[in-house]
C-alpha cells in the first residue's frame, strides 16, 4: 500500500457529486463536470471510491482506489489534453 507521504500532502478539499450522466467535482472554488462518456472509469465505481480522491501538489487529482490520475489543467483546457481510452478486452 502506497503511503500518502510519498504522494504529497493534500492541499485542498474536494467535493464530489454523482449524477446519472457523470461526476461533478468542486475543486479550488471551481466546478467541473466529467461525463461518463469521456471518463468511463468512473461510471461503475462505488461512491466510496469516487469520494476517495486526493488533491496533490496543487494541480493533481488522484483516486487511489481506481488508479486514476487527472491534472486540473486537463479539466480547465480539455482541448489541449485529448483523452485516449482503450477498454481492456
C-alpha atoms as a PDB file:
ATOM      1  CA  UNK A   1       0.000   0.000   0.000  1.00  0.00           C
ATOM      2  CA  UNK A   2       1.345   3.403  -1.007  1.00  0.00           C
ATOM      3  CA  UNK A   3       1.714   5.971   1.761  1.00  0.00           C
ATOM      4  CA  UNK A   4       0.300   9.466   1.304  1.00  0.00           C
ATOM      5  CA  UNK A   5       3.663  10.849   2.370  1.00  0.00           C
ATOM      6  CA  UNK A   6       5.186   9.564  -0.871  1.00  0.00           C
ATOM      7  CA  UNK A   7       2.423  11.084  -2.991  1.00  0.00           C
ATOM      8  CA  UNK A   8       2.405  14.535  -1.467  1.00  0.00           C
ATOM      9  CA  UNK A   9       0.226  16.312   1.014  1.00  0.00           C
ATOM     10  CA  UNK A  10      -3.363  17.124   0.014  1.00  0.00           C
ATOM     11  CA  UNK A  11      -3.710  20.888  -0.305  1.00  0.00           C
ATOM     12  CA  UNK A  12      -7.452  21.344  -0.589  1.00  0.00           C
ATOM     13  CA  UNK A  13     -10.745  19.618  -0.017  1.00  0.00           C
ATOM     14  CA  UNK A  14     -12.686  18.273  -2.956  1.00  0.00           C
ATOM     15  CA  UNK A  15     -16.429  17.840  -3.139  1.00  0.00           C
ATOM     16  CA  UNK A  16     -17.711  15.049  -5.362  1.00  0.00           C
ATOM     17  CA  UNK A  17     -21.308  14.754  -6.573  1.00  0.00           C
ATOM     18  CA  UNK A  18     -22.508  11.798  -8.609  1.00  0.00           C
ATOM     19  CA  UNK A  19     -25.226  12.065 -11.251  1.00  0.00           C
ATOM     20  CA  UNK A  20     -26.620   9.585 -13.750  1.00  0.00           C
ATOM     21  CA  UNK A  21     -24.589  11.242 -16.539  1.00  0.00           C
ATOM     22  CA  UNK A  22     -21.290  11.933 -14.847  1.00  0.00           C
ATOM     23  CA  UNK A  23     -19.316  13.243 -11.944  1.00  0.00           C
ATOM     24  CA  UNK A  24     -19.294  16.803 -10.583  1.00  0.00           C
ATOM     25  CA  UNK A  25     -16.120  17.980  -8.891  1.00  0.00           C
ATOM     26  CA  UNK A  26     -15.715  21.151  -6.851  1.00  0.00           C
ATOM     27  CA  UNK A  27     -12.006  21.952  -6.545  1.00  0.00           C
ATOM     28  CA  UNK A  28     -10.266  25.209  -5.655  1.00  0.00           C
ATOM     29  CA  UNK A  29     -13.515  27.167  -5.975  1.00  0.00           C
ATOM     30  CA  UNK A  30     -14.246  25.819  -9.468  1.00  0.00           C
ATOM     31  CA  UNK A  31     -16.820  23.361 -10.680  1.00  0.00           C
ATOM     32  CA  UNK A  32     -16.062  20.617 -13.216  1.00  0.00           C
ATOM     33  CA  UNK A  33     -18.345  18.103 -14.906  1.00  0.00           C
ATOM     34  CA  UNK A  34     -16.799  14.818 -16.028  1.00  0.00           C
ATOM     35  CA  UNK A  35     -19.283  12.952 -18.249  1.00  0.00           C
ATOM     36  CA  UNK A  36     -19.079   9.185 -18.130  1.00  0.00           C
ATOM     37  CA  UNK A  37     -18.778   9.042 -21.929  1.00  0.00           C
ATOM     38  CA  UNK A  38     -15.428  10.868 -21.627  1.00  0.00           C
ATOM     39  CA  UNK A  39     -14.364   9.420 -18.258  1.00  0.00           C
ATOM     40  CA  UNK A  40     -15.724   5.842 -18.358  1.00  0.00           C
ATOM     41  CA  UNK A  41     -13.638   4.562 -15.444  1.00  0.00           C
ATOM     42  CA  UNK A  42     -15.907   6.498 -13.058  1.00  0.00           C
ATOM     43  CA  UNK A  43     -19.216   5.050 -14.323  1.00  0.00           C
ATOM     44  CA  UNK A  44     -19.184   1.760 -12.406  1.00  0.00           C
ATOM     45  CA  UNK A  45     -17.179   2.996  -9.436  1.00  0.00           C
ATOM     46  CA  UNK A  46     -18.638   2.865  -5.948  1.00  0.00           C
ATOM     47  CA  UNK A  47     -19.480   6.150  -4.250  1.00  0.00           C
ATOM     48  CA  UNK A  48     -16.833   5.456  -1.609  1.00  0.00           C
ATOM     49  CA  UNK A  49     -14.218   5.021  -4.373  1.00  0.00           C
ATOM     50  CA  UNK A  50     -15.269   8.276  -6.053  1.00  0.00           C
ATOM     51  CA  UNK A  51     -15.078  10.155  -2.769  1.00  0.00           C
ATOM     52  CA  UNK A  52     -11.615   8.796  -2.036  1.00  0.00           C
ATOM     53  CA  UNK A  53      -9.840  11.456  -4.087  1.00  0.00           C
ATOM     54  CA  UNK A  54      -6.802  13.491  -3.108  1.00  0.00           C
ATOM     55  CA  UNK A  55      -5.727  16.867  -4.469  1.00  0.00           C
ATOM     56  CA  UNK A  56      -1.952  16.779  -4.616  1.00  0.00           C
ATOM     57  CA  UNK A  57       0.739  19.309  -5.479  1.00  0.00           C
ATOM     58  CA  UNK A  58      -1.862  21.998  -6.277  1.00  0.00           C
ATOM     59  CA  UNK A  59      -2.710  20.522  -9.675  1.00  0.00           C
ATOM     60  CA  UNK A  60      -3.196  16.769  -9.447  1.00  0.00           C
ATOM     61  CA  UNK A  61      -6.297  14.699  -8.623  1.00  0.00           C
ATOM     62  CA  UNK A  62      -5.705  11.101  -7.610  1.00  0.00           C
ATOM     63  CA  UNK A  63      -8.245   8.345  -6.997  1.00  0.00           C
ATOM     64  CA  UNK A  64      -6.139   5.597  -5.420  1.00  0.00           C
ATOM     65  CA  UNK A  65      -8.966   3.023  -5.334  1.00  0.00           C
ATOM     66  CA  UNK A  66      -9.491   3.434  -9.080  1.00  0.00           C
ATOM     67  CA  UNK A  67      -5.871   4.119 -10.062  1.00  0.00           C
ATOM     68  CA  UNK A  68      -6.968   7.284 -11.876  1.00  0.00           C
ATOM     69  CA  UNK A  69      -4.855  10.446 -12.143  1.00  0.00           C
ATOM     70  CA  UNK A  70      -6.023  13.738 -13.650  1.00  0.00           C
ATOM     71  CA  UNK A  71      -4.366  17.119 -13.781  1.00  0.00           C
ATOM     72  CA  UNK A  72      -6.531  20.191 -13.269  1.00  0.00           C
ATOM     73  CA  UNK A  73      -5.028  21.620 -16.459  1.00  0.00           C
ATOM     74  CA  UNK A  74      -6.705  18.828 -18.400  1.00  0.00           C
ATOM     75  CA  UNK A  75     -10.081  19.795 -16.905  1.00  0.00           C
ATOM     76  CA  UNK A  76      -9.567  23.526 -17.471  1.00  0.00           C
ATOM     77  CA  UNK A  77      -8.395  23.107 -21.072  1.00  0.00           C
ATOM     78  CA  UNK A  78      -9.609  19.700 -22.301  1.00  0.00           C
ATOM     79  CA  UNK A  79      -8.932  20.589 -25.938  1.00  0.00           C
ATOM     80  CA  UNK A  80      -5.201  20.586 -25.151  1.00  0.00           C
ATOM     81  CA  UNK A  81      -5.363  17.166 -23.473  1.00  0.00           C
ATOM     82  CA  UNK A  82      -7.274  14.734 -25.678  1.00  0.00           C
ATOM     83  CA  UNK A  83      -8.265  11.610 -23.797  1.00  0.00           C
ATOM     84  CA  UNK A  84      -7.335   8.276 -25.255  1.00  0.00           C
ATOM     85  CA  UNK A  85      -9.108   5.422 -23.548  1.00  0.00           C
ATOM     86  CA  UNK A  86      -8.965   1.818 -24.619  1.00  0.00           C
ATOM     87  CA  UNK A  87     -11.110  -0.710 -22.837  1.00  0.00           C
ATOM     88  CA  UNK A  88      -9.448  -3.926 -21.769  1.00  0.00           C
ATOM     89  CA  UNK A  89     -10.578  -6.903 -23.826  1.00  0.00           C
END
